[in-house]
Amino acid sequence: MKTHLRKYRFEHGELSQKQVADMVSVSRQTIVAIEHGNYSPSVKLALLLARKFGTTVESLFELEESDYV
């Protein structure tokens, strides 16, 4: 799964990973893992992140070809 979380962080005032983590009540390490593609967020976390950035889950995350197999 591909993530655009880092792009959204910078488009919203260059928020730090810690600031985003605090906004959705997770650890900074969780945000790091999501951005590096090492962790797929729960539906709840994906929805919370989308809401905080005023966008959709589909804008924050997208499936890659390898996800379909």
C-alpha atoms as a PDB file:
ATOM      1  CA  MET A   1       0.000   0.000   0.000  1.00  0.00           C
ATOM      2  CA  LYS A   2       1.271   3.442  -0.885  1.00  0.00           C
ATOM      3  CA  THR A   3       0.839   6.344   1.516  1.00  0.00           C
ATOM      4  CA  HIS A   4       0.770  10.094   0.963  1.00  0.00           C
ATOM      5  CA  LEU A   5       0.809  10.936   4.658  1.00  0.00           C
ATOM      6  CA  ARG A   6       4.179  12.692   4.523  1.00  0.00           C
ATOM      7  CA  LYS A   7       2.962  14.931   1.685  1.00  0.00           C
ATOM      8  CA  TYR A   8      -0.110  15.898   3.690  1.00  0.00           C
ATOM      9  CA  ARG A   9       2.009  16.628   6.778  1.00  0.00           C
ATOM     10  CA  PHE A  10       4.076  19.120   4.816  1.00  0.00           C
ATOM     11  CA  GLU A  11       1.081  20.665   3.061  1.00  0.00           C
ATOM     12  CA  HIS A  12      -0.473  21.361   6.460  1.00  0.00           C
ATOM     13  CA  GLY A  13       2.221  23.550   7.958  1.00  0.00           C
ATOM     14  CA  GLU A  14       5.085  21.067   7.948  1.00  0.00           C
ATOM     15  CA  LEU A  15       3.675  19.132  10.878  1.00  0.00           C
ATOM     16  CA  SER A  16       6.115  16.850  12.635  1.00  0.00           C
ATOM     17  CA  GLN A  17       5.479  13.141  12.941  1.00  0.00           C
ATOM     18  CA  LYS A  18       5.010  13.686  16.671  1.00  0.00           C
ATOM     19  CA  GLN A  19       2.374  16.363  16.086  1.00  0.00           C
ATOM     20  CA  VAL A  20       0.417  14.067  13.766  1.00  0.00           C
ATOM     21  CA  ALA A  21       0.759  11.193  16.234  1.00  0.00           C
ATOM     22  CA  ASP A  22      -0.621  13.381  19.024  1.00  0.00           C
ATOM     23  CA  MET A  23      -3.542  14.457  16.814  1.00  0.00           C
ATOM     24  CA  VAL A  24      -4.705  10.845  16.460  1.00  0.00           C
ATOM     25  CA  SER A  25      -3.456   9.430  19.786  1.00  0.00           C
ATOM     26  CA  VAL A  26      -0.777   7.060  18.510  1.00  0.00           C
ATOM     27  CA  SER A  27       2.982   6.947  18.937  1.00  0.00           C
ATOM     28  CA  ARG A  28       5.396   8.781  16.669  1.00  0.00           C
ATOM     29  CA  GLN A  29       6.802   5.373  15.748  1.00  0.00           C
ATOM     30  CA  THR A  30       3.397   4.395  14.340  1.00  0.00           C
ATOM     31  CA  ILE A  31       3.421   7.417  12.037  1.00  0.00           C
ATOM     32  CA  VAL A  32       7.011   6.608  10.994  1.00  0.00           C
ATOM     33  CA  ALA A  33       6.026   3.010  10.218  1.00  0.00           C
ATOM     34  CA  ILE A  34       3.001   4.131   8.179  1.00  0.00           C
ATOM     35  CA  GLU A  35       5.090   6.592   6.177  1.00  0.00           C
ATOM     36  CA  HIS A  36       7.731   3.948   5.442  1.00  0.00           C
ATOM     37  CA  GLY A  37       5.111   1.429   4.373  1.00  0.00           C
ATOM     38  CA  ASN A  38       5.940  -0.944   7.216  1.00  0.00           C
ATOM     39  CA  TYR A  39       2.525  -0.704   8.874  1.00  0.00           C
ATOM     40  CA  SER A  40      -0.995  -0.598   7.488  1.00  0.00           C
ATOM     41  CA  PRO A  41      -3.218   1.485   9.739  1.00  0.00           C
ATOM     42  CA  SER A  42      -6.518   0.200  11.047  1.00  0.00           C
ATOM     43  CA  VAL A  43      -9.644   1.486   9.361  1.00  0.00           C
ATOM     44  CA  LYS A  44     -10.271   3.689  12.392  1.00  0.00           C
ATOM     45  CA  LEU A  45      -6.781   5.217  12.266  1.00  0.00           C
ATOM     46  CA  ALA A  46      -6.978   5.761   8.502  1.00  0.00           C
ATOM     47  CA  LEU A  47     -10.325   7.531   8.923  1.00  0.00           C
ATOM     48  CA  LEU A  48      -8.999   9.678  11.780  1.00  0.00           C
ATOM     49  CA  LEU A  49      -5.956  10.719   9.748  1.00  0.00           C
ATOM     50  CA  ALA A  50      -8.100  11.571   6.741  1.00  0.00           C
ATOM     51  CA  ARG A  51     -10.454  13.649   8.859  1.00  0.00           C
ATOM     52  CA  LYS A  52      -7.590  15.547  10.538  1.00  0.00           C
ATOM     53  CA  PHE A  53      -6.190  16.443   7.109  1.00  0.00           C
ATOM     54  CA  GLY A  54      -9.580  17.264   5.609  1.00  0.00           C
ATOM     55  CA  THR A  55      -9.314  14.610   2.919  1.00  0.00           C
ATOM     56  CA  THR A  56     -10.399  11.071   2.129  1.00  0.00           C
ATOM     57  CA  VAL A  57      -8.779   7.782   3.029  1.00  0.00           C
ATOM     58  CA  GLU A  58      -8.349   7.154  -0.703  1.00  0.00           C
ATOM     59  CA  SER A  59      -6.306  10.355  -0.995  1.00  0.00           C
ATOM     60  CA  LEU A  60      -4.026   9.358   1.886  1.00  0.00           C
ATOM     61  CA  PHE A  61      -3.586   5.695   0.937  1.00  0.00           C
ATOM     62  CA  GLU A  62      -3.738   3.762  -2.301  1.00  0.00           C
ATOM     63  CA  LEU A  63      -3.328   0.157  -3.253  1.00  0.00           C
ATOM     64  CA  GLU A  64      -0.407  -0.883  -5.413  1.00  0.00           C
ATOM     65  CA  GLU A  65      -0.449  -3.645  -8.029  1.00  0.00           C
ATOM     66  CA  SER A  66       1.258  -6.028  -5.622  1.00  0.00           C
ATOM     67  CA  ASP A  67      -1.639  -5.615  -3.169  1.00  0.00           C
ATOM     68  CA  TYR A  68      -4.037  -7.324  -5.561  1.00  0.00           C
ATOM     69  CA  VAL A  69      -2.391 -10.772  -5.430  1.00  0.00           C
END
